[in-house]
Protein backbone atom coordinates (compact mmCIF):
# COMPACT_ATOMS: atom_id res chain seq x y z
CA MET A 1 -0.03 -0.01 -0.02
CA TYR A 2 2.81 2.44 0.87
CA SER A 3 6.13 2.72 -0.85
CA TYR A 4 8.80 5.09 0.38
CA LYS A 5 12.29 5.84 -1.01
CA TYR A 6 13.74 6.09 2.53
CA PRO A 7 13.39 3.73 5.59
CA ARG A 8 10.90 4.65 8.22
CA ALA A 9 11.12 4.36 12.03
CA ALA A 10 8.67 2.12 13.80
CA LEU A 11 6.30 3.93 16.17
CA THR A 12 5.28 2.39 19.47
CA VAL A 13 3.39 3.46 22.62
CA ASP A 14 4.10 2.38 26.19
CA ALA A 15 1.81 2.73 29.23
CA ILE A 16 2.77 3.75 32.77
CA VAL A 17 -0.07 2.62 34.99
CA TYR A 18 0.31 3.22 38.68
CA VAL A 19 -1.55 3.14 42.03
CA LYS A 20 -0.74 4.92 45.28
CA GLU A 21 -1.44 2.72 48.25
CA ARG A 22 -0.66 4.25 51.63
CA ASP A 23 3.06 5.18 51.42
CA GLU A 24 3.88 3.08 48.38
CA ILE A 25 3.43 3.46 44.63
CA PHE A 26 2.72 0.31 42.62
CA LEU A 27 3.46 -0.07 38.94
CA LEU A 28 1.93 -2.31 36.42
CA LEU A 29 4.49 -4.31 34.39
CA ILE A 30 4.35 -7.17 31.91
CA GLN A 31 6.81 -10.02 31.40
CA ARG A 32 7.85 -10.19 27.77
CA GLY A 33 6.90 -13.42 26.02
CA ASN A 34 9.05 -12.75 22.94
CA GLU A 35 12.55 -11.53 22.08
CA PRO A 36 14.10 -9.12 22.35
CA PHE A 37 14.36 -9.23 26.15
CA LEU A 38 12.46 -12.48 26.53
CA LYS A 39 11.21 -12.92 30.18
CA LYS A 40 12.34 -9.39 31.15
CA TRP A 41 9.80 -7.06 32.64
CA ALA A 42 8.58 -4.02 30.73
CA LEU A 43 5.93 -1.36 30.48
CA PRO A 44 2.91 -2.62 28.61
CA GLY A 45 2.95 -1.34 25.04
CA GLY A 46 3.46 -2.15 21.40
CA PHE A 47 3.25 -0.90 17.83
CA VAL A 48 0.78 1.68 16.61
CA ASN A 49 -1.46 0.46 13.80
CA ILE A 50 -1.45 2.59 10.71
CA ASP A 51 -5.11 3.61 11.27
CA GLU A 52 -5.16 4.47 14.99
CA LEU A 53 -4.44 7.44 17.15
CA LEU A 54 -1.68 7.23 19.70
CA GLU A 55 -3.79 7.22 22.85
CA THR A 56 -6.06 4.65 21.28
CA ALA A 57 -3.06 2.44 20.56
CA GLY A 58 -1.88 2.86 24.16
CA LYS A 59 -5.27 1.78 25.55
CA ARG A 60 -5.51 -1.16 23.05
CA GLU A 61 -1.99 -2.47 23.92
CA LEU A 62 -2.64 -2.09 27.62
CA GLU A 63 -5.86 -4.13 27.36
CA GLU A 64 -4.36 -6.81 25.06
CA GLU A 65 -1.34 -7.28 27.34
CA THR A 66 -2.89 -7.01 30.79
CA GLY A 67 -6.68 -7.20 30.35
CA LEU A 68 -6.93 -3.76 31.88
CA LYS A 69 -9.31 -1.18 30.32
CA VAL A 70 -8.86 2.52 31.01
CA GLU A 71 -10.90 5.44 29.86
CA LYS A 72 -8.15 8.10 29.55
CA MET A 73 -4.37 8.31 29.33
CA THR A 74 -2.17 11.34 29.36
CA GLN A 75 0.81 11.75 27.07
CA PHE A 76 4.14 12.10 29.03
CA LYS A 77 7.09 12.13 26.65
CA THR A 78 8.54 10.73 23.46
CA TYR A 79 11.68 8.59 23.51
CA ASP A 80 13.76 8.44 20.39
CA ALA A 81 17.29 7.23 21.21
CA LEU A 82 18.80 5.60 18.19
CA HIS A 83 19.46 2.18 19.63
CA ARG A 84 16.71 1.81 22.29
CA ASP A 85 15.32 -1.23 20.49
CA PRO A 86 17.83 -3.84 19.15
CA ARG A 87 15.47 -4.83 16.32
CA HIS A 88 15.23 -1.47 14.48
CA ARG A 89 14.77 2.18 14.87
CA THR A 90 11.87 2.65 17.25
CA ILE A 91 10.29 5.78 18.60
CA SER A 92 8.02 5.40 21.62
CA VAL A 93 5.36 7.77 22.90
CA ILE A 94 4.78 7.20 26.65
CA TYR A 95 1.26 7.60 28.15
CA TYR A 96 0.34 7.32 31.82
CA THR A 97 -2.71 6.94 34.06
CA GLU A 98 -3.20 6.67 37.78
CA LEU A 99 -5.75 4.21 39.12
CA ASP A 100 -7.67 4.49 42.46
CA GLU A 101 -6.76 0.86 43.26
CA LYS A 102 -4.88 -2.11 41.87
CA ARG A 103 -7.09 -4.11 39.55
CA GLN A 104 -6.73 -7.77 38.57
CA VAL A 105 -4.43 -8.19 35.53
CA LYS A 106 -3.37 -11.09 33.42
CA GLY A 107 -0.78 -11.42 30.73
CA GLY A 108 -2.06 -11.66 27.22
CA ASP A 109 -1.07 -11.30 23.62
CA ASP A 110 2.78 -11.17 23.61
CA ALA A 111 3.02 -10.62 27.41
CA ALA A 112 3.65 -13.88 29.34
CA TYR A 113 2.59 -12.35 32.64
CA ALA A 114 1.30 -9.08 34.07
CA GLY A 115 1.68 -7.88 37.66
CA TRP A 116 1.92 -5.03 40.09
CA PHE A 117 5.30 -4.10 41.62
CA PRO A 118 6.25 -1.61 44.29
CA VAL A 119 8.33 1.17 42.70
CA SER A 120 10.85 0.72 45.53
CA ASP A 121 11.58 -2.87 44.36
CA LEU A 122 11.27 -3.18 40.59
CA PRO A 123 12.71 -6.13 38.64
CA ASP A 124 15.26 -5.59 35.90
CA LEU A 125 13.55 -3.88 33.04
CA ALA A 126 13.71 -4.28 29.22
CA PHE A 127 14.71 -1.57 26.77
CA ASP A 128 15.14 1.85 28.32
CA HIS A 129 12.15 1.50 30.57
CA LYS A 130 14.18 2.07 33.74
CA GLN A 131 15.27 5.46 32.47
CA ILE A 132 11.73 6.27 31.37
CA LEU A 133 10.41 5.55 34.89
CA ILE A 134 13.10 7.51 36.60
CA GLU A 135 12.18 10.52 34.49
CA PHE A 136 8.48 9.98 34.93
CA PHE A 137 8.56 9.76 38.73
CA ASN A 138 10.90 12.81 38.90
CA TYR A 139 8.32 14.61 36.83
CA LEU A 140 5.59 13.65 39.31
CA LYS A 141 7.72 14.96 42.17
CA GLN A 142 8.24 18.26 40.36
CA GLN A 143 4.46 18.58 39.67
CA ARG A 144 3.67 18.30 43.40
CA ARG A 145 5.90 21.33 44.07
CA PHE A 146 3.74 23.48 41.84
CA ASN A 147 0.32 22.24 43.03
């Protein structure tokens, strides 16, 4: 359907879903069922379809990989480091949402498992997701100063 003279980057979305419980923040992660980073934990996410909006893709990927449906997500930041994905050039737009409570989740699609982790004790993460989370939670701390 499309033919381009020059190669194109792949576009993905990733979802940061978190819950505050007492003095702890819990984060929703998936365990990858495929390479690269097979069995490593990651943010739920995946490739944007040619006919969908970014937020729609984020909500779709979140539901496919965890069973979790959300109404709204907010765009955080775009990550475009040249070698963030060993397969090819990938640009990822990060979305986030805060839930009132942890909901039951289950790995689906290309996610072997899904689960909630305390931010203070995260497993090793795939891709550049550790850096993304550091920047995101720093962003949240900065936002509280201005509220």
